[in-house]
Amino acid sequence: MDKRAFLKLTGLAGAAIISGPLSSLAATGATSGVPAFKADPKAPFVLPPLPYGYEALEPHIDKLTMEIHHDKHHAAYVKNLNDNIANTPFANLTLEEIQHQVTEKDKAIRNNGGGHYNHSLFWTLLSPTKKTPSAKLKNAISGAFGSWEAFQTKFNDAAKSVFGSGWAWLIVTPDKKLAVTTTPNQDNPLMHNLVKDKGTPILALDVWEHAYYLKHQNKRPEYIEAFWNVVNWDEVEKLYNKA
């Protein structure tokens, strides 16, 4: 499938996705490290640079997918979020506060605010260099799920089970327990007014087709397996300790 066909298939030409050059927002891919996730303080929100080159996650996630995913999809969420919160009380909130306060009646802010938060977090949870979980983190996760293998199976099954588009998460619940959950579309576990399983995300996997279709086509399980090769376990542990 060529790029033109993929853009048509995923609907990038639709009204929800901005078109044209994004030179002021596009990632340079020049940074060498993966910075810790930091939600934007307040609007106007900006597209964070991709913290590694587009090709850095190959062969597991391909260059063109990363370029389209970041420069088109994520950028659209940022633009649309800024447009929709203008002259509303949400304009005075941080990105994380928006997640906490959004409701069903705030459809555009829910979708685009979630899209911006989820992707900003997701990029930092991927690493171009192979990472392994520390003994402390691995023991904590293994203890919560029975074994490391049981955790991965539960997470994989959750990611496979998402119907259509959505996310799989490892979260720290309000009572400080680890749990695996899923959300549809761009919802996330911080949306206390909207989701059943609330908590602080420490690991996330985007299972929208635009995250994997170019390389893996309809083989979502293949993409999920590839994901484990690029997880930034250092960042997962930072988020776990903070939560």
Protein backbone atom coordinates (compact mmCIF):
# COMPACT_ATOMS: atom_id res chain seq x y z
CA MET A 1 0.00 0.00 0.00
CA ASP A 2 1.42 3.41 -0.98
CA LYS A 3 1.22 6.54 1.11
CA ARG A 4 -1.67 8.05 -0.87
CA ALA A 5 -3.78 4.95 -0.42
CA PHE A 6 -3.01 4.82 3.30
CA LEU A 7 -3.94 8.46 3.83
CA LYS A 8 -7.25 7.86 2.10
CA LEU A 9 -7.91 4.69 4.07
CA THR A 10 -7.27 6.21 7.48
CA GLY A 11 -9.24 9.34 6.73
CA LEU A 12 -6.43 11.82 7.05
CA ALA A 13 -8.09 13.92 4.38
CA GLY A 14 -11.20 14.25 6.55
CA ALA A 15 -12.29 17.30 8.43
CA ALA A 16 -10.99 16.02 11.74
CA ILE A 17 -7.40 16.03 10.51
CA ILE A 18 -5.63 19.19 9.52
CA SER A 19 -3.87 19.31 6.22
CA GLY A 20 -0.96 21.25 4.87
CA PRO A 21 2.54 21.79 6.22
CA LEU A 22 3.16 21.76 9.95
CA SER A 23 6.66 23.16 9.87
CA SER A 24 6.26 24.99 13.16
CA LEU A 25 4.98 21.86 14.89
CA ALA A 26 6.67 18.95 13.17
CA ALA A 27 9.22 16.83 15.00
CA THR A 28 12.85 17.17 14.11
CA GLY A 29 13.74 13.74 15.42
CA ALA A 30 17.07 15.17 16.51
CA THR A 31 16.93 14.61 20.24
CA SER A 32 19.03 11.74 21.53
CA GLY A 33 17.16 10.90 24.75
CA VAL A 34 13.54 10.30 25.66
CA PRO A 35 12.39 13.03 28.05
CA ALA A 36 10.00 12.33 30.88
CA PHE A 37 6.35 12.95 30.10
CA LYS A 38 5.15 16.42 31.06
CA ALA A 39 1.64 17.60 30.32
CA ASP A 40 1.43 21.13 28.92
CA PRO A 41 0.77 23.67 31.67
CA LYS A 42 -2.11 25.52 29.98
CA ALA A 43 -3.43 26.53 26.58
CA PRO A 44 -2.47 27.22 23.93
CA PHE A 45 -1.22 23.67 23.76
CA VAL A 46 1.60 22.72 21.41
CA LEU A 47 2.68 19.54 19.67
CA PRO A 48 5.68 18.11 21.57
CA PRO A 49 8.59 17.14 19.31
CA LEU A 50 8.93 13.43 18.77
CA PRO A 51 11.81 12.57 21.14
CA TYR A 52 13.67 10.43 18.59
CA GLY A 53 13.87 10.11 14.83
CA TYR A 54 10.91 8.81 12.86
CA GLU A 55 12.94 5.74 11.93
CA ALA A 56 14.29 5.12 15.44
CA LEU A 57 11.78 2.40 16.35
CA GLU A 58 12.31 0.30 13.24
CA PRO A 59 11.91 -2.55 12.50
CA HIS A 60 9.16 -2.72 15.12
CA ILE A 61 7.33 0.51 14.18
CA ASP A 62 8.14 1.95 10.77
CA LYS A 63 9.29 5.44 9.86
CA LEU A 64 6.31 6.47 7.71
CA THR A 65 3.79 5.39 10.34
CA MET A 66 5.59 7.43 13.00
CA GLU A 67 5.75 10.47 10.74
CA ILE A 68 2.04 10.37 9.89
CA HIS A 69 1.01 9.43 13.42
CA HIS A 70 2.88 12.31 15.03
CA ASP A 71 2.83 15.07 12.42
CA LYS A 72 -0.74 14.56 11.21
CA HIS A 73 -2.87 12.73 13.79
CA HIS A 74 -1.36 14.14 16.97
CA ALA A 75 -1.00 17.61 15.50
CA ALA A 76 -4.68 17.58 14.57
CA TYR A 77 -5.68 16.81 18.15
CA VAL A 78 -3.60 19.75 19.39
CA LYS A 79 -5.07 22.20 16.90
CA ASN A 80 -8.63 21.04 17.43
CA LEU A 81 -8.25 21.11 21.21
CA ASN A 82 -7.05 24.71 21.13
CA ASP A 83 -9.90 25.67 18.81
CA ASN A 84 -12.55 24.01 20.98
CA ILE A 85 -11.46 25.27 24.39
CA ALA A 86 -11.14 28.89 23.29
CA ASN A 87 -13.44 31.11 25.36
CA THR A 88 -14.47 28.25 27.64
CA PRO A 89 -13.52 27.45 31.26
CA PHE A 90 -11.27 24.66 29.90
CA ALA A 91 -8.92 27.29 28.50
CA ASN A 92 -7.69 27.98 32.04
CA LEU A 93 -6.96 24.34 32.89
CA THR A 94 -3.86 22.22 32.46
CA LEU A 95 -4.01 19.28 30.08
CA GLU A 96 -4.32 16.86 33.00
CA GLU A 97 -7.05 18.94 34.63
CA ILE A 98 -8.99 18.80 31.39
CA GLN A 99 -8.92 15.01 31.53
CA HIS A 100 -10.29 15.05 35.07
CA GLN A 101 -13.10 17.49 34.35
CA VAL A 102 -14.32 16.63 30.86
CA THR A 103 -17.82 15.14 30.61
CA GLU A 104 -20.04 13.53 27.99
CA LYS A 105 -21.38 16.90 26.91
CA ASP A 106 -17.85 18.08 26.01
CA LYS A 107 -17.47 15.76 23.01
CA ALA A 108 -14.88 17.69 21.00
CA ILE A 109 -12.77 18.54 24.05
CA ARG A 110 -13.02 14.94 25.25
CA ASN A 111 -11.81 13.54 21.94
CA ASN A 112 -9.09 16.07 21.20
CA GLY A 113 -7.94 16.63 24.76
CA GLY A 114 -7.68 12.89 25.22
CA GLY A 115 -5.88 12.56 21.91
CA HIS A 116 -3.30 15.15 22.92
CA TYR A 117 -2.73 13.73 26.40
CA ASN A 118 -2.62 10.10 25.27
CA HIS A 119 -0.14 10.68 22.46
CA SER A 120 2.09 13.01 24.48
CA LEU A 121 2.41 10.22 27.03
CA PHE A 122 2.73 7.45 24.43
CA TRP A 123 5.80 8.91 22.71
CA THR A 124 7.73 8.94 25.99
CA LEU A 125 6.82 5.31 26.67
CA LEU A 126 8.63 4.17 23.54
CA SER A 127 12.40 3.87 23.31
CA PRO A 128 14.76 3.51 20.34
CA THR A 129 17.16 1.58 22.57
CA LYS A 130 16.28 -1.76 24.13
CA LYS A 131 15.14 -1.38 27.75
CA THR A 132 14.44 -3.96 30.42
CA PRO A 133 12.37 -3.43 33.56
CA SER A 134 14.28 -3.09 36.79
CA ALA A 135 14.00 -5.87 39.36
CA LYS A 136 11.89 -3.58 41.54
CA LEU A 137 9.38 -2.81 38.80
CA LYS A 138 9.28 -6.37 37.51
CA ASN A 139 8.65 -7.72 41.00
CA ALA A 140 5.87 -5.21 41.60
CA ILE A 141 4.12 -6.06 38.32
CA SER A 142 4.68 -9.79 38.72
CA GLY A 143 3.28 -9.65 42.23
CA ALA A 144 0.17 -7.85 41.07
CA PHE A 145 -0.63 -10.26 38.24
CA GLY A 146 0.89 -13.54 39.44
CA SER A 147 3.87 -13.47 37.10
CA TRP A 148 5.49 -11.29 34.45
CA GLU A 149 4.16 -13.60 31.76
CA ALA A 150 0.65 -13.38 33.20
CA PHE A 151 0.86 -9.58 33.09
CA GLN A 152 1.96 -9.55 29.45
CA THR A 153 -0.78 -12.00 28.51
CA LYS A 154 -3.40 -9.88 30.27
CA PHE A 155 -2.15 -6.70 28.61
CA ASN A 156 -1.97 -8.38 25.18
CA ASP A 157 -5.48 -9.77 25.54
CA ALA A 158 -6.79 -6.37 26.60
CA ALA A 159 -5.17 -4.66 23.59
CA LYS A 160 -6.57 -7.31 21.24
CA SER A 161 -10.05 -6.96 22.75
CA VAL A 162 -10.52 -3.27 21.94
CA PHE A 163 -13.26 -3.11 19.34
CA GLY A 164 -12.40 -0.59 16.67
CA SER A 165 -10.13 2.16 17.98
CA GLY A 166 -8.80 2.71 21.49
CA TRP A 167 -6.04 2.12 24.01
CA ALA A 168 -4.74 -0.51 26.40
CA TRP A 169 -3.35 0.70 29.74
CA LEU A 170 -1.42 -0.36 32.79
CA ILE A 171 -2.57 1.91 35.58
CA VAL A 172 -2.13 2.58 39.26
CA THR A 173 -5.62 2.67 40.72
CA PRO A 174 -6.76 5.18 43.38
CA ASP A 175 -6.12 2.50 46.04
CA LYS A 176 -2.53 2.09 44.74
CA LYS A 177 -2.99 -1.22 42.98
CA LEU A 178 -1.82 -2.13 39.49
CA ALA A 179 -4.49 -2.94 36.91
CA VAL A 180 -4.83 -3.46 33.16
CA THR A 181 -7.71 -1.70 31.45
CA THR A 182 -8.85 -0.37 28.09
CA THR A 183 -10.63 2.72 26.81
CA PRO A 184 -12.36 3.44 23.50
CA ASN A 185 -11.29 6.13 21.07
CA GLN A 186 -9.18 8.77 22.89
CA ASP A 187 -10.58 8.25 26.38
CA ASN A 188 -8.10 7.53 29.18
CA PRO A 189 -8.18 6.46 32.84
CA LEU A 190 -7.84 10.06 34.05
CA MET A 191 -11.33 10.87 32.74
CA HIS A 192 -13.05 10.33 36.06
CA ASN A 193 -16.46 11.41 34.78
CA LEU A 194 -16.40 9.02 31.84
CA VAL A 195 -14.53 5.78 32.52
CA LYS A 196 -15.22 2.84 34.79
CA ASP A 197 -11.59 1.97 35.60
CA LYS A 198 -9.99 5.11 36.96
CA GLY A 199 -6.30 5.52 37.68
CA THR A 200 -2.95 6.95 36.70
CA PRO A 201 -1.56 5.56 33.42
CA ILE A 202 1.99 4.23 33.55
CA LEU A 203 2.00 2.21 30.31
CA ALA A 204 -0.11 2.79 27.20
CA LEU A 205 -0.57 1.18 23.82
CA ASP A 206 -2.38 2.92 20.98
CA VAL A 207 -4.39 0.35 19.02
CA TRP A 208 -5.96 2.69 16.51
CA GLU A 209 -5.24 1.30 13.04
CA HIS A 210 -3.26 4.39 12.08
CA ALA A 211 -0.69 3.34 14.71
CA TYR A 212 0.24 0.15 12.88
CA TYR A 213 -1.58 -0.38 9.58
CA LEU A 214 1.22 0.54 7.17
CA LYS A 215 3.56 -2.14 8.49
CA HIS A 216 1.28 -4.68 10.12
CA GLN A 217 -1.91 -4.19 8.06
CA ASN A 218 -4.79 -5.83 9.96
CA LYS A 219 -2.51 -7.92 12.16
CA ARG A 220 -3.00 -6.16 15.47
CA PRO A 221 -1.54 -9.06 17.52
CA GLU A 222 1.69 -8.76 15.48
CA TYR A 223 1.87 -5.05 16.31
CA ILE A 224 1.23 -5.75 20.00
CA GLU A 225 4.11 -8.22 20.09
CA ALA A 226 6.38 -5.69 18.35
CA PHE A 227 5.47 -3.09 20.99
CA TRP A 228 7.25 -5.02 23.75
CA ASN A 229 10.55 -4.47 21.93
CA VAL A 230 10.34 -0.68 22.24
CA VAL A 231 8.84 -0.11 25.70
CA ASN A 232 10.68 2.54 27.70
CA TRP A 233 10.69 0.75 31.05
CA ASP A 234 12.70 3.56 32.65
CA GLU A 235 9.80 5.93 32.05
CA VAL A 236 7.25 3.36 33.18
CA GLU A 237 9.09 3.05 36.48
CA LYS A 238 9.26 6.83 36.93
CA LEU A 239 5.51 7.06 36.41
CA TYR A 240 4.92 4.11 38.75
CA ASN A 241 7.00 5.67 41.51
CA LYS A 242 5.26 9.01 41.07
CA ALA A 243 1.81 7.41 41.15
